Amino acid sequence: MRVVFGIDVSKASSEVAILVNGEKIHGYTIPNDAIGFNRLLGDLKTVHQSEIVFKATGVYSRRLQAFFSQTSMRNGKDNRK
């Protein structure tokens, strides 16, 4: 089973989509702050070997990237334009 957390980062919040084997099973919005990032981290910890993917959106995605770096969560940034 492949579980992917896809994150669409914008200025004040991020849209999180959880996909299992390519099918979206859940989605929600988090604020781009410690509260939102910790909620996401809690969800990530419930899934063994989940993947995290988000689009690098300049300054908006830097806080999320820093959070993942501090928590040692491996993630993939999509740098395509």
PDB file of N, CA and C in Angstrom:
ATOM      1  N   MET A   1       0.845  -1.171   0.000  1.00  0.00           N
ATOM      2  CA  MET A   1       0.000   0.000   0.000  1.00  0.00           C
ATOM      3  C   MET A   1       0.895   1.240   0.000  1.00  0.00           C
ATOM      4  N   ARG A   2       0.633   2.144  -0.903  1.00  0.00           N
ATOM      5  CA  ARG A   2       1.400   3.391  -1.012  1.00  0.00           C
ATOM      6  C   ARG A   2       0.530   4.542  -0.512  1.00  0.00           C
ATOM      7  N   VAL A   3       1.021   5.253   0.499  1.00  0.00           N
ATOM      8  CA  VAL A   3       0.296   6.390   1.061  1.00  0.00           C
ATOM      9  C   VAL A   3       1.115   7.649   0.807  1.00  0.00           C
ATOM     10  N   VAL A   4       0.483   8.636   0.172  1.00  0.00           N
ATOM     11  CA  VAL A   4       1.146   9.893  -0.154  1.00  0.00           C
ATOM     12  C   VAL A   4       0.365  11.047   0.463  1.00  0.00           C
ATOM     13  N   PHE A   5       1.082  11.940   1.123  1.00  0.00           N
ATOM     14  CA  PHE A   5       0.511  13.187   1.600  1.00  0.00           C
ATOM     15  C   PHE A   5       0.949  14.257   0.607  1.00  0.00           C
ATOM     16  N   GLY A   6       0.026  14.756  -0.186  1.00  0.00           N
ATOM     17  CA  GLY A   6       0.308  15.820  -1.135  1.00  0.00           C
ATOM     18  C   GLY A   6      -0.090  17.143  -0.516  1.00  0.00           C
ATOM     19  N   ILE A   7       0.792  18.119  -0.552  1.00  0.00           N
ATOM     20  CA  ILE A   7       0.546  19.392   0.129  1.00  0.00           C
ATOM     21  C   ILE A   7       0.674  20.536  -0.859  1.00  0.00           C
ATOM     22  N   ASP A   8      -0.391  21.325  -0.956  1.00  0.00           N
ATOM     23  CA  ASP A   8      -0.404  22.519  -1.798  1.00  0.00           C
ATOM     24  C   ASP A   8      -0.227  23.716  -0.870  1.00  0.00           C
ATOM     25  N   VAL A   9       0.957  24.305  -0.883  1.00  0.00           N
ATOM     26  CA  VAL A   9       1.307  25.376   0.044  1.00  0.00           C
ATOM     27  C   VAL A   9       0.942  26.727  -0.553  1.00  0.00           C
ATOM     28  N   SER A  10       0.254  27.546   0.236  1.00  0.00           N
ATOM     29  CA  SER A  10       0.001  28.930  -0.167  1.00  0.00           C
ATOM     30  C   SER A  10       0.417  29.844   0.986  1.00  0.00           C
ATOM     31  N   LYS A  11       0.090  31.107   0.901  1.00  0.00           N
ATOM     32  CA  LYS A  11       0.626  32.086   1.844  1.00  0.00           C
ATOM     33  C   LYS A  11       0.261  31.800   3.307  1.00  0.00           C
ATOM     34  N   ALA A  12      -1.012  31.647   3.610  1.00  0.00           N
ATOM     35  CA  ALA A  12      -1.443  31.509   5.001  1.00  0.00           C
ATOM     36  C   ALA A  12      -1.797  30.084   5.406  1.00  0.00           C
ATOM     37  N   SER A  13      -2.076  29.235   4.425  1.00  0.00           N
ATOM     38  CA  SER A  13      -2.508  27.875   4.744  1.00  0.00           C
ATOM     39  C   SER A  13      -2.027  26.902   3.676  1.00  0.00           C
ATOM     40  N   SER A  14      -2.213  25.629   3.973  1.00  0.00           N
ATOM     41  CA  SER A  14      -1.840  24.578   3.025  1.00  0.00           C
ATOM     42  C   SER A  14      -2.979  23.574   2.919  1.00  0.00           C
ATOM     43  N   GLU A  15      -3.206  23.097   1.713  1.00  0.00           N
ATOM     44  CA  GLU A  15      -4.194  22.051   1.476  1.00  0.00           C
ATOM     45  C   GLU A  15      -3.459  20.717   1.501  1.00  0.00           C
ATOM     46  N   VAL A  16      -3.938  19.804   2.318  1.00  0.00           N
ATOM     47  CA  VAL A  16      -3.331  18.480   2.443  1.00  0.00           C
ATOM     48  C   VAL A  16      -4.277  17.459   1.826  1.00  0.00           C
ATOM     49  N   ALA A  17      -3.765  16.645   0.932  1.00  0.00           N
ATOM     50  CA  ALA A  17      -4.535  15.550   0.344  1.00  0.00           C
ATOM     51  C   ALA A  17      -3.827  14.247   0.686  1.00  0.00           C
ATOM     52  N   ILE A  18      -4.582  13.296   1.201  1.00  0.00           N
ATOM     53  CA  ILE A  18      -4.026  11.980   1.520  1.00  0.00           C
ATOM     54  C   ILE A  18      -4.498  11.009   0.448  1.00  0.00           C
ATOM     55  N   LEU A  19      -3.532  10.404  -0.221  1.00  0.00           N
ATOM     56  CA  LEU A  19      -3.837   9.454  -1.290  1.00  0.00           C
ATOM     57  C   LEU A  19      -3.340   8.065  -0.909  1.00  0.00           C
ATOM     58  N   VAL A  20      -4.176   7.070  -1.152  1.00  0.00           N
ATOM     59  CA  VAL A  20      -3.797   5.673  -0.951  1.00  0.00           C
ATOM     60  C   VAL A  20      -3.865   4.994  -2.305  1.00  0.00           C
ATOM     61  N   ASN A  21      -2.718   4.493  -2.741  1.00  0.00           N
ATOM     62  CA  ASN A  21      -2.614   3.859  -4.061  1.00  0.00           C
ATOM     63  C   ASN A  21      -3.179   4.750  -5.169  1.00  0.00           C
ATOM     64  N   GLY A  22      -2.900   6.058  -5.064  1.00  0.00           N
ATOM     65  CA  GLY A  22      -3.287   7.005  -6.095  1.00  0.00           C
ATOM     66  C   GLY A  22      -4.693   7.554  -5.985  1.00  0.00           C
ATOM     67  N   GLU A  23      -5.472   7.103  -5.004  1.00  0.00           N
ATOM     68  CA  GLU A  23      -6.849   7.576  -4.848  1.00  0.00           C
ATOM     69  C   GLU A  23      -6.953   8.461  -3.610  1.00  0.00           C
ATOM     70  N   LYS A  24      -7.515   9.669  -3.788  1.00  0.00           N
ATOM     71  CA  LYS A  24      -7.655  10.586  -2.657  1.00  0.00           C
ATOM     72  C   LYS A  24      -8.708  10.040  -1.701  1.00  0.00           C
ATOM     73  N   ILE A  25      -8.300   9.866  -0.435  1.00  0.00           N
ATOM     74  CA  ILE A  25      -9.239   9.360   0.555  1.00  0.00           C
ATOM     75  C   ILE A  25      -9.622  10.409   1.592  1.00  0.00           C
ATOM     76  N   HIS A  26      -8.825  11.476   1.697  1.00  0.00           N
ATOM     77  CA  HIS A  26      -9.113  12.516   2.688  1.00  0.00           C
ATOM     78  C   HIS A  26      -8.361  13.787   2.314  1.00  0.00           C
ATOM     79  N   GLY A  27      -8.913  14.919   2.698  1.00  0.00           N
ATOM     80  CA  GLY A  27      -8.250  16.194   2.477  1.00  0.00           C
ATOM     81  C   GLY A  27      -8.655  17.181   3.549  1.00  0.00           C
ATOM     82  N   TYR A  28      -7.764  18.098   3.866  1.00  0.00           N
ATOM     83  CA  TYR A  28      -8.065  19.117   4.861  1.00  0.00           C
ATOM     84  C   TYR A  28      -7.103  20.288   4.698  1.00  0.00           C
ATOM     85  N   THR A  29      -7.399  21.378   5.385  1.00  0.00           N
ATOM     86  CA  THR A  29      -6.591  22.593   5.335  1.00  0.00           C
ATOM     87  C   THR A  29      -5.921  22.799   6.686  1.00  0.00           C
ATOM     88  N   ILE A  30      -4.646  23.182   6.655  1.00  0.00           N
ATOM     89  CA  ILE A  30      -3.929  23.521   7.884  1.00  0.00           C
ATOM     90  C   ILE A  30      -3.372  24.935   7.760  1.00  0.00           C
ATOM     91  N   PRO A  31      -3.280  25.657   8.883  1.00  0.00           N
ATOM     92  CA  PRO A  31      -2.585  26.941   8.843  1.00  0.00           C
ATOM     93  C   PRO A  31      -1.082  26.685   8.742  1.00  0.00           C
ATOM     94  N   ASN A  32      -0.370  27.607   8.139  1.00  0.00           N
ATOM     95  CA  ASN A  32       1.087  27.472   8.002  1.00  0.00           C
ATOM     96  C   ASN A  32       1.782  27.983   9.263  1.00  0.00           C
ATOM     97  N   ASP A  33       1.522  27.295  10.359  1.00  0.00           N
ATOM     98  CA  ASP A  33       2.145  27.646  11.631  1.00  0.00           C
ATOM     99  C   ASP A  33       2.392  26.362  12.422  1.00  0.00           C
ATOM    100  N   ALA A  34       2.911  26.502  13.626  1.00  0.00           N
ATOM    101  CA  ALA A  34       3.259  25.329  14.435  1.00  0.00           C
ATOM    102  C   ALA A  34       2.051  24.441  14.696  1.00  0.00           C
ATOM    103  N   ILE A  35       0.894  25.031  14.923  1.00  0.00           N
ATOM    104  CA  ILE A  35      -0.311  24.237  15.182  1.00  0.00           C
ATOM    105  C   ILE A  35      -0.654  23.379  13.970  1.00  0.00           C
ATOM    106  N   GLY A  36      -0.671  23.983  12.799  1.00  0.00           N
ATOM    107  CA  GLY A  36      -0.992  23.247  11.580  1.00  0.00           C
ATOM    108  C   GLY A  36       0.047  22.193  11.255  1.00  0.00           C
ATOM    109  N   PHE A  37       1.314  22.545  11.382  1.00  0.00           N
ATOM    110  CA  PHE A  37       2.383  21.596  11.068  1.00  0.00           C
ATOM    111  C   PHE A  37       2.371  20.414  12.042  1.00  0.00           C
ATOM    112  N   ASN A  38       2.065  20.672  13.309  1.00  0.00           N
ATOM    113  CA  ASN A  38       2.006  19.579  14.281  1.00  0.00           C
ATOM    114  C   ASN A  38       0.803  18.671  14.040  1.00  0.00           C
ATOM    115  N   ARG A  39      -0.299  19.229  13.566  1.00  0.00           N
ATOM    116  CA  ARG A  39      -1.439  18.378  13.198  1.00  0.00           C
ATOM    117  C   ARG A  39      -1.029  17.449  12.051  1.00  0.00           C
ATOM    118  N   LEU A  40      -0.370  18.019  11.054  1.00  0.00           N
ATOM    119  CA  LEU A  40       0.103  17.224   9.926  1.00  0.00           C
ATOM    120  C   LEU A  40       1.078  16.148  10.401  1.00  0.00           C
ATOM    121  N   LEU A  41       1.991  16.508  11.275  1.00  0.00           N
ATOM    122  CA  LEU A  41       2.960  15.547  11.800  1.00  0.00           C
ATOM    123  C   LEU A  41       2.255  14.399  12.518  1.00  0.00           C
ATOM    124  N   GLY A  42       1.227  14.722  13.296  1.00  0.00           N
ATOM    125  CA  GLY A  42       0.463  13.680  13.975  1.00  0.00           C
ATOM    126  C   GLY A  42      -0.154  12.705  12.991  1.00  0.00           C
ATOM    127  N   ASP A  43      -0.707  13.221  11.899  1.00  0.00           N
ATOM    128  CA  ASP A  43      -1.292  12.356  10.872  1.00  0.00           C
ATOM    129  C   ASP A  43      -0.224  11.521  10.184  1.00  0.00           C
ATOM    130  N   LEU A  44       0.917  12.123   9.906  1.00  0.00           N
ATOM    131  CA  LEU A  44       2.005  11.398   9.249  1.00  0.00           C
ATOM    132  C   LEU A  44       2.498  10.234  10.103  1.00  0.00           C
ATOM    133  N   LYS A  45       2.522  10.425  11.402  1.00  0.00           N
ATOM    134  CA  LYS A  45       3.021   9.382  12.298  1.00  0.00           C
ATOM    135  C   LYS A  45       2.080   8.187  12.399  1.00  0.00           C
ATOM    136  N   THR A  46       0.841   8.335  11.939  1.00  0.00           N
ATOM    137  CA  THR A  46      -0.100   7.213  11.997  1.00  0.00           C
ATOM    138  C   THR A  46       0.081   6.246  10.835  1.00  0.00           C
ATOM    139  N   VAL A  47       0.886   6.636   9.855  1.00  0.00           N
ATOM    140  CA  VAL A  47       1.069   5.816   8.656  1.00  0.00           C
ATOM    141  C   VAL A  47       2.533   5.402   8.547  1.00  0.00           C
ATOM    142  N   HIS A  48       2.765   4.117   8.411  1.00  0.00           N
ATOM    143  CA  HIS A  48       4.124   3.606   8.267  1.00  0.00           C
ATOM    144  C   HIS A  48       4.614   3.860   6.845  1.00  0.00           C
ATOM    145  N   GLN A  49       5.746   4.503   6.710  1.00  0.00           N
ATOM    146  CA  GLN A  49       6.402   4.778   5.428  1.00  0.00           C
ATOM    147  C   GLN A  49       5.524   5.562   4.454  1.00  0.00           C
ATOM    148  N   SER A  50       4.927   6.628   4.932  1.00  0.00           N
ATOM    149  CA  SER A  50       4.182   7.497   4.021  1.00  0.00           C
ATOM    150  C   SER A  50       5.163   8.372   3.250  1.00  0.00           C
ATOM    151  N   GLU A  51       4.715   8.875   2.127  1.00  0.00           N
ATOM    152  CA  GLU A  51       5.511   9.795   1.320  1.00  0.00           C
ATOM    153  C   GLU A  51       4.914  11.191   1.461  1.00  0.00           C
ATOM    154  N   ILE A  52       5.777  12.193   1.424  1.00  0.00           N
ATOM    155  CA  ILE A  52       5.346  13.584   1.522  1.00  0.00           C
ATOM    156  C   ILE A  52       5.837  14.307   0.280  1.00  0.00           C
ATOM    157  N   VAL A  53       4.913  14.950  -0.418  1.00  0.00           N
ATOM    158  CA  VAL A  53       5.280  15.688  -1.626  1.00  0.00           C
ATOM    159  C   VAL A  53       4.595  17.048  -1.577  1.00  0.00           C
ATOM    160  N   PHE A  54       5.365  18.096  -1.863  1.00  0.00           N
ATOM    161  CA  PHE A  54       4.758  19.421  -1.988  1.00  0.00           C
ATOM    162  C   PHE A  54       5.499  20.225  -3.032  1.00  0.00           C
ATOM    163  N   LYS A  55       4.812  21.184  -3.590  1.00  0.00           N
ATOM    164  CA  LYS A  55       5.395  22.038  -4.614  1.00  0.00           C
ATOM    165  C   LYS A  55       6.171  23.159  -3.938  1.00  0.00           C
ATOM    166  N   ALA A  56       7.383  23.373  -4.375  1.00  0.00           N
ATOM    167  CA  ALA A  56       8.195  24.471  -3.855  1.00  0.00           C
ATOM    168  C   ALA A  56       7.610  25.780  -4.374  1.00  0.00           C
ATOM    169  N   THR A  57       7.035  26.555  -3.471  1.00  0.00           N
ATOM    170  CA  THR A  57       6.359  27.791  -3.860  1.00  0.00           C
ATOM    171  C   THR A  57       7.103  29.009  -3.322  1.00  0.00           C
ATOM    172  N   GLY A  58       8.391  29.003  -3.486  1.00  0.00           N
ATOM    173  CA  GLY A  58       9.188  30.148  -3.042  1.00  0.00           C
ATOM    174  C   GLY A  58       9.157  30.302  -1.537  1.00  0.00           C
ATOM    175  N   VAL A  59       8.921  31.509  -1.073  1.00  0.00           N
ATOM    176  CA  VAL A  59       8.966  31.791   0.359  1.00  0.00           C
ATOM    177  C   VAL A  59       7.873  31.057   1.122  1.00  0.00           C
ATOM    178  N   TYR A  60       6.747  30.773   0.502  1.00  0.00           N
ATOM    179  CA  TYR A  60       5.635  30.140   1.212  1.00  0.00           C
ATOM    180  C   TYR A  60       5.965  28.732   1.689  1.00  0.00           C
ATOM    181  N   SER A  61       6.742  27.996   0.951  1.00  0.00           N
ATOM    182  CA  SER A  61       7.033  26.607   1.335  1.00  0.00           C
ATOM    183  C   SER A  61       8.248  26.476   2.253  1.00  0.00           C
ATOM    184  N   ARG A  62       8.952  27.555   2.501  1.00  0.00           N
ATOM    185  CA  ARG A  62      10.170  27.470   3.314  1.00  0.00           C
ATOM    186  C   ARG A  62       9.897  27.056   4.758  1.00  0.00           C
ATOM    187  N   ARG A  63       8.808  27.565   5.350  1.00  0.00           N
ATOM    188  CA  ARG A  63       8.497  27.187   6.733  1.00  0.00           C
ATOM    189  C   ARG A  63       8.184  25.698   6.845  1.00  0.00           C
ATOM    190  N   LEU A  64       7.442  25.180   5.868  1.00  0.00           N
ATOM    191  CA  LEU A  64       7.118  23.755   5.869  1.00  0.00           C
ATOM    192  C   LEU A  64       8.384  22.922   5.691  1.00  0.00           C
ATOM    193  N   GLN A  65       9.244  23.325   4.778  1.00  0.00           N
ATOM    194  CA  GLN A  65      10.509  22.616   4.558  1.00  0.00           C
ATOM    195  C   GLN A  65      11.359  22.633   5.827  1.00  0.00           C
ATOM    196  N   ALA A  66      11.437  23.769   6.496  1.00  0.00           N
ATOM    197  CA  ALA A  66      12.214  23.874   7.736  1.00  0.00           C
ATOM    198  C   ALA A  66      11.625  22.974   8.822  1.00  0.00           C
ATOM    199  N   PHE A  67      10.306  22.924   8.905  1.00  0.00           N
ATOM    200  CA  PHE A  67       9.660  22.061   9.889  1.00  0.00           C
ATOM    201  C   PHE A  67      10.017  20.601   9.643  1.00  0.00           C
ATOM    202  N   PHE A  68       9.932  20.163   8.392  1.00  0.00           N
ATOM    203  CA  PHE A  68      10.279  18.780   8.075  1.00  0.00           C
ATOM    204  C   PHE A  68      11.749  18.501   8.381  1.00  0.00           C
ATOM    205  N   SER A  69      12.612  19.462   8.137  1.00  0.00           N
ATOM    206  CA  SER A  69      14.037  19.283   8.437  1.00  0.00           C
ATOM    207  C   SER A  69      14.266  19.112   9.937  1.00  0.00           C
ATOM    208  N   GLN A  70      13.560  19.895  10.745  1.00  0.00           N
ATOM    209  CA  GLN A  70      13.702  19.814  12.199  1.00  0.00           C
ATOM    210  C   GLN A  70      13.165  18.504  12.760  1.00  0.00           C
ATOM    211  N   THR A  71      12.155  17.944  12.112  1.00  0.00           N
ATOM    212  CA  THR A  71      11.538  16.718  12.616  1.00  0.00           C
ATOM    213  C   THR A  71      12.112  15.474  11.951  1.00  0.00           C
ATOM    214  N   SER A  72      13.082  15.653  11.090  1.00  0.00           N
ATOM    215  CA  SER A  72      13.717  14.545  10.356  1.00  0.00           C
ATOM    216  C   SER A  72      12.739  13.781   9.471  1.00  0.00           C
ATOM    217  N   MET A  73      11.676  14.435   9.024  1.00  0.00           N
ATOM    218  CA  MET A  73      10.726  13.805   8.103  1.00  0.00           C
ATOM    219  C   MET A  73      11.254  13.985   6.693  1.00  0.00           C
ATOM    220  N   ARG A  74      11.399  12.891   5.976  1.00  0.00           N
ATOM    221  CA  ARG A  74      11.859  12.963   4.591  1.00  0.00           C
ATOM    222  C   ARG A  74      10.695  13.382   3.716  1.00  0.00           C
ATOM    223  N   ASN A  75      10.987  14.247   2.754  1.00  0.00           N
ATOM    224  CA  ASN A  75       9.940  14.746   1.872  1.00  0.00           C
ATOM    225  C   ASN A  75      10.525  15.024   0.504  1.00  0.00           C
ATOM    226  N   GLY A  76       9.644  15.204  -0.431  1.00  0.00           N
ATOM    227  CA  GLY A  76      10.074  15.538  -1.780  1.00  0.00           C
ATOM    228  C   GLY A  76       9.442  16.835  -2.228  1.00  0.00           C
ATOM    229  N   LYS A  77      10.272  17.743  -2.714  1.00  0.00           N
ATOM    230  CA  LYS A  77       9.766  18.999  -3.257  1.00  0.00           C
ATOM    231  C   LYS A  77       9.668  18.860  -4.757  1.00  0.00           C
ATOM    232  N   ASP A  78       8.608  19.391  -5.302  1.00  0.00           N
ATOM    233  CA  ASP A  78       8.435  19.449  -6.745  1.00  0.00           C
ATOM    234  C   ASP A  78       8.861  20.840  -7.179  1.00  0.00           C
ATOM    235  N   ASN A  79       9.973  20.941  -7.879  1.00  0.00           N
ATOM    236  CA  ASN A  79      10.497  22.240  -8.297  1.00  0.00           C
ATOM    237  C   ASN A  79      10.099  22.623  -9.709  1.00  0.00           C
ATOM    238  N   ARG A  80       9.203  21.838 -10.316  1.00  0.00           N
ATOM    239  CA  ARG A  80       8.777  22.172 -11.680  1.00  0.00           C
ATOM    240  C   ARG A  80       8.009  23.482 -11.683  1.00  0.00           C
ATOM    241  N   LYS A  81       8.122  24.190 -12.773  1.00  0.00           N
ATOM    242  CA  LYS A  81       7.386  25.458 -12.913  1.00  0.00           C
ATOM    243  C   LYS A  81       6.215  25.259 -13.825  1.00  0.00           C
TER     244      LYS A  81
END
